[in-house]
């Protein structure tokens, strides 16, 4: 994200949340020059994204003009695809998630069949929760490498028939609105980061009387551990994307003790083959246990099946091994485990234990290692924030009679 886009996103967020209502508020909070804020505000006014109305109380000078986000009743439609499920939701123009629901899909059915299902789900959720409200933009998170911001899939190992597919153009043509497509782990990392940042800001305001300060999430390694495994680095409140936007591929990191199992990428010994939900389900089914998918793995772990708990703990330790080199190299403030497996305390605890064992003590003394707090909605929240940066929020001109 460019500096200008970042300032635009921050300004919109502050106005949407009510933390800022004037140019002076934006200057104080963003800590940038008044001329810079004026430039951002001018562009937002020209777009019709915000309104300027009324005046606030004077603090010694001229009374400030009040700024507010234009809410014209529209919504963003967002979706996250997994190997066996899709999660869809609606976001407000400010990027806040309004509602979400999940249903089963088979991503191997290919783009056309999947997008027909997603389109029907969007229609259903809008009819149920936002009848009559205009569709402003659509966003989608996918479990494979995405050439961002162009929205084209690049060699996804677990998505047959999708490689090279221009998802962004398809969505834009189908819905006739702005479309944004991102990798699922990156979208979830954005959602996790803003959730933690917003909670920290609320806590800081609540604790001002005690003069305490709860810091920003800082540099964060986010791992999405579900059917597959993806990752993302957030540094300086920004997603690190790499040269083609393809950073964060933990899935195909080779690990010891993998048994050199064959991977969906065509190689062997990848982390996915031993530490993912799909690998756990496959291994347990091979041992004769009634496990078909990641939901069964989670249920069996919660029920404390000894064989399952042992295997889940080992999977968490192997993820910790893969992450330890990154922690030693990057020295992050936090490691957050998201995805379906983050609901299992034994998995998260095993990751944490291995990081403490493998990483240099000075790097783990203040390191936060914990499960996601945004949970299954992380990617949808992240897509809402991405759309807030790019969507055309100008109202539709009234037709002349």
Protein backbone atom coordinates (compact mmCIF):
# COMPACT_ATOMS: atom_id res chain seq x y z
CA UNK A 1 0.00 0.00 0.00
CA UNK A 2 1.36 3.45 -0.92
CA UNK A 3 1.78 6.20 1.69
CA UNK A 4 -1.12 8.13 0.12
CA UNK A 5 -3.39 5.06 0.16
CA UNK A 6 -2.36 4.31 3.74
CA UNK A 7 -3.24 7.86 4.84
CA UNK A 8 -6.56 7.63 3.01
CA UNK A 9 -7.36 4.34 4.74
CA UNK A 10 -6.38 5.70 8.16
CA UNK A 11 -8.39 8.89 7.66
CA UNK A 12 -11.47 6.93 6.59
CA UNK A 13 -11.10 4.62 9.58
CA UNK A 14 -10.83 7.51 12.02
CA UNK A 15 -13.84 9.30 10.54
CA UNK A 16 -15.89 6.08 10.38
CA UNK A 17 -15.19 5.26 14.03
CA UNK A 18 -15.83 8.80 15.28
CA UNK A 19 -12.28 9.13 16.65
CA UNK A 20 -11.83 12.12 14.36
CA UNK A 21 -14.47 14.61 13.19
CA UNK A 22 -12.34 17.43 11.80
CA UNK A 23 -9.11 18.20 9.97
CA UNK A 24 -7.53 19.23 13.27
CA UNK A 25 -8.38 15.83 14.78
CA UNK A 26 -6.77 14.07 11.81
CA UNK A 27 -3.62 16.18 12.09
CA UNK A 28 -3.33 15.40 15.80
CA UNK A 29 -3.96 11.66 15.52
CA UNK A 30 -2.06 10.96 12.30
CA UNK A 31 0.86 13.22 13.26
CA UNK A 32 1.26 14.63 9.74
CA UNK A 33 1.36 18.15 8.36
CA UNK A 34 -1.93 20.09 8.09
CA UNK A 35 -1.31 20.49 4.35
CA UNK A 36 -1.11 16.70 3.97
CA UNK A 37 -4.42 16.21 5.81
CA UNK A 38 -6.02 18.96 3.73
CA UNK A 39 -4.93 17.17 0.55
CA UNK A 40 -6.38 13.83 1.72
CA UNK A 41 -9.64 15.46 2.85
CA UNK A 42 -9.96 17.40 -0.41
CA UNK A 43 -9.68 14.18 -2.44
CA UNK A 44 -12.24 12.41 -0.26
CA UNK A 45 -14.65 15.34 -0.61
CA UNK A 46 -14.17 15.38 -4.39
CA UNK A 47 -14.89 11.63 -4.51
CA UNK A 48 -18.04 12.13 -2.48
CA UNK A 49 -16.76 9.60 0.06
CA UNK A 50 -17.11 12.05 2.96
CA UNK A 51 -19.28 15.08 3.68
CA UNK A 52 -18.41 18.41 5.28
CA UNK A 53 -21.20 19.90 7.31
CA UNK A 54 -21.73 22.11 10.33
CA UNK A 55 -19.06 23.43 12.66
CA UNK A 56 -17.58 22.15 15.88
CA UNK A 57 -16.66 23.95 19.07
CA UNK A 58 -13.79 26.40 18.89
CA UNK A 59 -10.58 25.56 20.74
CA UNK A 60 -9.23 29.08 20.45
CA UNK A 61 -9.23 29.62 16.71
CA UNK A 62 -11.71 29.34 13.90
CA UNK A 63 -14.48 26.81 14.55
CA UNK A 64 -13.66 23.57 12.66
CA UNK A 65 -15.85 22.14 9.91
CA UNK A 66 -17.28 18.72 10.81
CA UNK A 67 -16.36 15.78 8.58
CA UNK A 68 -18.28 12.52 8.37
CA UNK A 69 -18.31 9.41 6.23
CA UNK A 70 -21.11 9.29 3.68
CA UNK A 71 -23.24 6.23 4.44
CA UNK A 72 -25.62 5.84 1.53
CA UNK A 73 -26.97 2.47 2.56
CA UNK A 74 -24.60 0.39 0.44
CA UNK A 75 -22.65 -2.71 1.49
CA UNK A 76 -19.56 -4.69 0.53
CA UNK A 77 -20.02 -8.42 -0.14
CA UNK A 78 -17.02 -10.51 0.96
CA UNK A 79 -16.16 -14.20 0.74
CA UNK A 80 -13.38 -16.52 1.89
CA UNK A 81 -12.92 -19.83 0.08
CA UNK A 82 -11.45 -22.93 1.68
CA UNK A 83 -10.93 -26.38 0.25
CA UNK A 84 -14.28 -27.60 1.60
CA UNK A 85 -16.08 -24.49 2.79
CA UNK A 86 -16.95 -20.91 1.90
CA UNK A 87 -17.63 -18.11 4.35
CA UNK A 88 -19.53 -15.08 3.06
CA UNK A 89 -20.51 -11.84 4.71
CA UNK A 90 -21.43 -8.19 4.38
CA UNK A 91 -19.40 -5.18 5.45
CA UNK A 92 -20.44 -1.57 5.89
CA UNK A 93 -18.73 1.16 3.81
CA UNK A 94 -16.53 1.82 6.85
CA UNK A 95 -15.21 -1.75 6.53
CA UNK A 96 -16.92 -3.21 9.60
CA UNK A 97 -18.26 -6.76 9.30
CA UNK A 98 -22.04 -6.81 9.67
CA UNK A 99 -22.89 -10.49 9.28
CA UNK A 100 -21.30 -13.77 8.15
CA UNK A 101 -22.35 -17.32 7.37
CA UNK A 102 -20.66 -20.49 6.18
CA UNK A 103 -21.59 -23.34 3.83
CA UNK A 104 -19.92 -26.35 2.22
CA UNK A 105 -18.27 -26.19 -1.21
CA UNK A 106 -15.76 -28.24 -3.17
CA UNK A 107 -13.10 -25.91 -4.51
CA UNK A 108 -12.10 -28.62 -7.00
CA UNK A 109 -15.34 -27.90 -8.89
CA UNK A 110 -13.56 -24.97 -10.53
CA UNK A 111 -14.12 -21.22 -10.72
CA UNK A 112 -17.39 -21.07 -12.66
CA UNK A 113 -19.31 -23.49 -10.44
CA UNK A 114 -17.88 -21.97 -7.26
CA UNK A 115 -18.66 -18.39 -8.31
CA UNK A 116 -22.22 -19.36 -9.20
CA UNK A 117 -22.57 -20.62 -5.62
CA UNK A 118 -20.93 -17.52 -4.18
CA UNK A 119 -23.20 -15.26 -6.23
CA UNK A 120 -26.27 -17.08 -4.93
CA UNK A 121 -24.92 -16.82 -1.37
CA UNK A 122 -24.34 -13.08 -1.79
CA UNK A 123 -27.92 -12.68 -3.01
CA UNK A 124 -29.20 -14.64 -0.04
CA UNK A 125 -27.25 -12.80 2.63
CA UNK A 126 -28.15 -9.41 1.15
CA UNK A 127 -31.84 -10.33 0.99
CA UNK A 128 -31.75 -11.49 4.61
CA UNK A 129 -29.63 -8.75 6.17
CA UNK A 130 -29.49 -5.77 3.78
CA UNK A 131 -32.59 -5.76 1.59
CA UNK A 132 -32.60 -2.91 -0.90
CA UNK A 133 -29.07 -1.78 -0.08
CA UNK A 134 -26.74 -1.13 -3.00
CA UNK A 135 -23.80 -3.45 -3.65
CA UNK A 136 -20.72 -1.23 -3.55
CA UNK A 137 -17.93 -3.77 -4.09
CA UNK A 138 -16.99 -7.43 -3.70
CA UNK A 139 -13.93 -9.04 -2.13
CA UNK A 140 -12.64 -12.61 -2.13
CA UNK A 141 -9.89 -14.42 -0.23
CA UNK A 142 -8.44 -17.59 -1.76
CA UNK A 143 -6.31 -20.46 -0.36
CA UNK A 144 -3.55 -20.07 -2.92
CA UNK A 145 -0.92 -17.59 -4.16
CA UNK A 146 -2.54 -14.42 -5.53
CA UNK A 147 -0.79 -11.87 -7.71
CA UNK A 148 -1.96 -8.80 -5.78
CA UNK A 149 -3.40 -6.30 -6.70
CA UNK A 150 -4.17 -7.89 -10.07
CA UNK A 151 -6.21 -10.73 -8.55
CA UNK A 152 -4.85 -13.61 -10.61
CA UNK A 153 -4.00 -17.01 -9.09
CA UNK A 154 -0.40 -18.17 -9.53
CA UNK A 155 0.20 -21.94 -9.40
CA UNK A 156 -2.15 -22.94 -6.54
CA UNK A 157 -1.20 -26.46 -5.49
CA UNK A 158 -4.54 -27.44 -3.97
CA UNK A 159 -6.87 -25.77 -6.51
CA UNK A 160 -7.00 -27.84 -9.71
CA UNK A 161 -8.29 -25.85 -12.66
CA UNK A 162 -7.63 -22.46 -11.04
CA UNK A 163 -4.00 -21.72 -11.99
CA UNK A 164 -3.70 -18.45 -13.89
CA UNK A 165 -7.40 -17.70 -13.50
CA UNK A 166 -8.22 -13.98 -13.46
CA UNK A 167 -10.52 -14.03 -10.44
CA UNK A 168 -10.68 -10.26 -10.10
CA UNK A 169 -11.92 -9.70 -13.66
CA UNK A 170 -14.49 -12.47 -13.30
CA UNK A 171 -15.91 -10.92 -10.11
CA UNK A 172 -15.89 -7.43 -11.59
CA UNK A 173 -17.73 -8.60 -14.70
CA UNK A 174 -20.26 -10.65 -12.73
CA UNK A 175 -21.19 -7.98 -10.23
CA UNK A 176 -20.33 -4.80 -12.17
CA UNK A 177 -18.58 -3.26 -9.17
CA UNK A 178 -15.05 -2.89 -7.84
CA UNK A 179 -13.51 -6.27 -6.95
CA UNK A 180 -10.52 -7.08 -4.72
CA UNK A 181 -8.91 -10.53 -4.49
CA UNK A 182 -6.23 -11.57 -2.00
CA UNK A 183 -4.64 -14.64 -0.48
CA UNK A 184 -6.62 -15.93 2.52
CA UNK A 185 -3.75 -15.70 5.02
CA UNK A 186 -2.95 -12.12 3.99
CA UNK A 187 -6.58 -11.03 4.22
CA UNK A 188 -6.83 -12.74 7.62
CA UNK A 189 -3.62 -11.05 8.80
CA UNK A 190 -5.14 -7.66 7.94
CA UNK A 191 -8.30 -8.57 9.83
CA UNK A 192 -6.35 -9.80 12.84
CA UNK A 193 -4.13 -6.73 12.91
CA UNK A 194 -6.97 -4.19 12.76
CA UNK A 195 -8.99 -6.15 15.33
CA UNK A 196 -6.08 -6.10 17.76
CA UNK A 197 -5.29 -2.46 17.01
CA UNK A 198 -8.90 -1.40 17.57
CA UNK A 199 -9.16 -3.38 20.80
CA UNK A 200 -5.89 -1.83 21.97
CA UNK A 201 -7.18 1.66 21.26
CA UNK A 202 -10.39 0.96 23.18
CA UNK A 203 -8.35 -0.39 26.09
CA UNK A 204 -6.07 2.63 26.08
CA UNK A 205 -9.01 5.01 26.30
CA UNK A 206 -10.56 2.89 29.07
CA UNK A 207 -7.30 2.80 31.02
CA UNK A 208 -6.29 6.45 30.64
CA UNK A 209 -7.23 7.14 34.25
CA UNK A 210 -4.62 4.58 35.35
CA UNK A 211 -2.07 6.04 32.87
CA UNK A 212 -1.52 2.66 31.28
CA UNK A 213 -0.74 2.11 27.63
CA UNK A 214 -1.52 -0.98 25.58
CA UNK A 215 0.61 -0.95 22.47
CA UNK A 216 -0.21 -1.53 18.85
CA UNK A 217 0.15 -5.19 17.76
CA UNK A 218 3.50 -4.19 16.25
CA UNK A 219 5.35 -6.51 13.88
CA UNK A 220 3.28 -9.68 13.66
CA UNK A 221 3.72 -13.08 12.02
CA UNK A 222 0.25 -14.42 11.30
CA UNK A 223 -0.21 -18.11 10.49
CA UNK A 224 -3.46 -19.51 9.10
CA UNK A 225 -3.51 -23.18 10.10
CA UNK A 226 -6.52 -24.84 8.52
CA UNK A 227 -6.77 -27.51 5.85
CA UNK A 228 -3.53 -25.98 4.54
CA UNK A 229 -1.05 -23.58 6.11
CA UNK A 230 -0.39 -20.01 5.03
CA UNK A 231 1.41 -17.10 6.61
CA UNK A 232 1.94 -13.37 6.48
CA UNK A 233 4.18 -10.72 8.01
CA UNK A 234 2.66 -7.43 9.15
CA UNK A 235 5.33 -4.78 9.72
CA UNK A 236 4.75 -1.11 10.42
CA UNK A 237 0.98 -1.79 10.17
CA UNK A 238 1.46 -2.95 6.56
CA UNK A 239 1.30 -6.33 4.88
CA UNK A 240 4.65 -7.49 3.53
CA UNK A 241 3.82 -8.93 0.11
CA UNK A 242 7.18 -9.52 -1.57
CA UNK A 243 8.13 -9.01 -5.18
CA UNK A 244 5.00 -10.44 -6.84
CA UNK A 245 2.77 -10.43 -3.81
CA UNK A 246 3.49 -14.11 -3.21
CA UNK A 247 5.21 -13.96 0.19
CA UNK A 248 4.12 -16.07 3.15
CA UNK A 249 4.24 -19.58 1.67
CA UNK A 250 4.80 -21.67 4.78
CA UNK A 251 2.92 -24.60 3.33
CA UNK A 252 5.84 -25.84 1.26
CA UNK A 253 8.67 -25.25 3.71
CA UNK A 254 10.47 -28.57 4.10
CA UNK A 255 10.71 -29.89 7.65
CA UNK A 256 12.52 -32.75 9.33
CA UNK A 257 10.44 -35.62 10.70
CA UNK A 258 8.01 -35.22 7.81
CA UNK A 259 8.56 -38.77 6.64
CA UNK A 260 9.13 -37.32 3.17
CA UNK A 261 5.42 -37.60 2.43
CA UNK A 262 4.36 -36.50 -1.03
CA UNK A 263 2.86 -33.03 -1.16
CA UNK A 264 0.20 -31.51 -3.42
CA UNK A 265 2.92 -29.28 -4.91
CA UNK A 266 4.65 -32.34 -6.39
CA UNK A 267 7.50 -32.28 -3.89
CA UNK A 268 7.89 -34.14 -0.61
CA UNK A 269 8.57 -33.37 3.03
CA UNK A 270 6.56 -30.10 3.03
CA UNK A 271 5.06 -28.69 6.23
CA UNK A 272 1.58 -29.15 4.77
CA UNK A 273 2.04 -32.92 4.78
CA UNK A 274 2.43 -33.12 8.56
CA UNK A 275 1.08 -29.97 10.25
CA UNK A 276 -2.10 -29.04 8.34
CA UNK A 277 -5.68 -30.06 9.05
CA UNK A 278 -5.83 -32.07 5.81
CA UNK A 279 -2.68 -33.98 6.79
CA UNK A 280 -4.03 -34.75 10.25
CA UNK A 281 -7.33 -36.01 8.83
CA UNK A 282 -5.52 -38.17 6.28
CA UNK A 283 -3.16 -39.66 8.88
CA UNK A 284 -5.91 -40.43 11.38
CA UNK A 285 -8.16 -41.97 8.72
CA UNK A 286 -5.21 -44.13 7.67
CA UNK A 287 -5.02 -45.41 11.25
CA UNK A 288 -8.65 -46.51 11.04
CA UNK A 289 -10.18 -43.65 13.03
CA UNK A 290 -13.53 -42.20 11.85
CA UNK A 291 -12.03 -38.90 10.67
CA UNK A 292 -12.98 -37.40 7.29
CA UNK A 293 -11.99 -33.75 7.55
CA UNK A 294 -10.62 -31.03 9.81
CA UNK A 295 -13.90 -30.72 11.71
CA UNK A 296 -13.60 -34.36 12.74
CA UNK A 297 -9.99 -33.76 13.83
CA UNK A 298 -11.10 -30.85 16.02
CA UNK A 299 -14.00 -32.83 17.52
CA UNK A 300 -11.78 -35.81 18.32
CA UNK A 301 -9.18 -33.54 19.94
CA UNK A 302 -11.80 -31.78 22.05
CA UNK A 303 -13.03 -35.22 23.14
CA UNK A 304 -9.44 -35.96 24.26
CA UNK A 305 -8.86 -39.01 22.07
CA UNK A 306 -5.26 -39.87 23.09
CA UNK A 307 -4.06 -40.83 19.61
CA UNK A 308 -5.52 -37.67 18.10
CA UNK A 309 -4.16 -35.36 20.80
CA UNK A 310 -0.67 -36.84 20.39
CA UNK A 311 -0.72 -36.32 16.63
CA UNK A 312 -2.11 -32.78 16.91
CA UNK A 313 0.59 -31.89 19.44
CA UNK A 314 3.27 -33.20 17.08
CA UNK A 315 1.79 -31.19 14.21
CA UNK A 316 1.97 -28.03 16.33
CA UNK A 317 5.58 -28.73 17.23
CA UNK A 318 6.51 -29.11 13.56
CA UNK A 319 4.83 -25.77 12.77
CA UNK A 320 6.90 -24.29 15.60
CA UNK A 321 10.06 -25.68 14.01
CA UNK A 322 9.19 -24.00 10.70
CA UNK A 323 8.41 -20.70 12.43
CA UNK A 324 11.49 -20.64 14.67
CA UNK A 325 13.84 -19.54 11.89
CA UNK A 326 11.47 -16.71 10.98
CA UNK A 327 11.27 -15.53 14.59
CA UNK A 328 15.06 -15.57 14.93
CA UNK A 329 15.44 -13.69 11.65
CA UNK A 330 12.60 -11.15 11.92
CA UNK A 331 12.31 -10.59 15.70
CA UNK A 332 8.54 -9.92 15.61
CA UNK A 333 6.48 -8.58 18.50
CA UNK A 334 3.90 -11.32 18.15
CA UNK A 335 3.12 -14.66 16.52
CA UNK A 336 -0.60 -15.26 16.01
CA UNK A 337 -2.06 -18.63 15.05
CA UNK A 338 -5.34 -18.38 13.14
CA UNK A 339 -7.40 -20.81 11.08
CA UNK A 340 -9.46 -23.74 12.32
CA UNK A 341 -6.59 -25.42 14.20
CA UNK A 342 -6.08 -22.30 16.34
CA UNK A 343 -9.18 -23.37 18.29
CA UNK A 344 -7.16 -26.29 19.71
CA UNK A 345 -5.19 -25.26 22.79
CA UNK A 346 -2.89 -28.27 22.45
CA UNK A 347 -1.87 -27.20 18.93
CA UNK A 348 -1.17 -23.57 19.90
CA UNK A 349 0.66 -24.65 23.07
CA UNK A 350 2.87 -26.99 21.05
CA UNK A 351 3.79 -24.18 18.64
CA UNK A 352 4.61 -21.94 21.58
CA UNK A 353 6.69 -24.57 23.31
CA UNK A 354 8.78 -25.24 20.23
CA UNK A 355 9.38 -21.53 19.62
CA UNK A 356 10.65 -21.11 23.18
CA UNK A 357 12.83 -24.17 22.69
CA UNK A 358 14.27 -23.23 19.28
CA UNK A 359 14.50 -19.41 19.37
CA UNK A 360 17.09 -17.21 21.05
CA UNK A 361 15.95 -16.21 24.57
CA UNK A 362 16.26 -12.42 23.98
CA UNK A 363 13.82 -12.78 21.08
CA UNK A 364 11.15 -14.63 23.06
CA UNK A 365 11.28 -12.69 26.34
CA UNK A 366 8.68 -10.18 25.14
CA UNK A 367 7.25 -12.25 22.29
CA UNK A 368 3.49 -12.75 22.36
CA UNK A 369 2.44 -16.18 21.01
CA UNK A 370 -1.29 -16.81 20.99
CA UNK A 371 -4.38 -17.80 19.07
CA UNK A 372 -6.29 -15.42 16.84
CA UNK A 373 -8.88 -13.15 18.45
CA UNK A 374 -10.57 -12.29 15.14
CA UNK A 375 -11.31 -16.01 14.69
CA UNK A 376 -13.05 -17.36 11.59
CA UNK A 377 -14.06 -13.86 10.49
CA UNK A 378 -10.48 -12.58 10.20
CA UNK A 379 -10.30 -12.79 6.39
CA UNK A 380 -13.72 -11.18 5.93
CA UNK A 381 -12.72 -8.31 8.22
CA UNK A 382 -9.51 -7.89 6.26
CA UNK A 383 -11.37 -7.82 2.95
CA UNK A 384 -13.68 -5.14 4.32
CA UNK A 385 -10.68 -2.96 5.12
CA UNK A 386 -9.12 -3.58 1.70
CA UNK A 387 -12.37 -2.61 -0.02
CA UNK A 388 -12.66 0.53 2.06
CA UNK A 389 -9.38 1.66 0.48
CA UNK A 390 -10.38 0.99 -3.11
CA UNK A 391 -14.17 0.98 -3.55
CA UNK A 392 -16.02 3.84 -5.22
CA UNK A 393 -18.28 5.05 -2.41
CA UNK A 394 -19.74 7.98 -4.30
CA UNK A 395 -23.53 7.98 -4.29
CA UNK A 396 -25.37 7.09 -7.48
CA UNK A 397 -26.57 10.33 -9.10
CA UNK A 398 -30.31 10.77 -9.01
CA UNK A 399 -31.83 10.21 -12.43
CA UNK A 400 -33.51 13.20 -13.95
CA UNK A 401 -37.23 12.98 -14.42
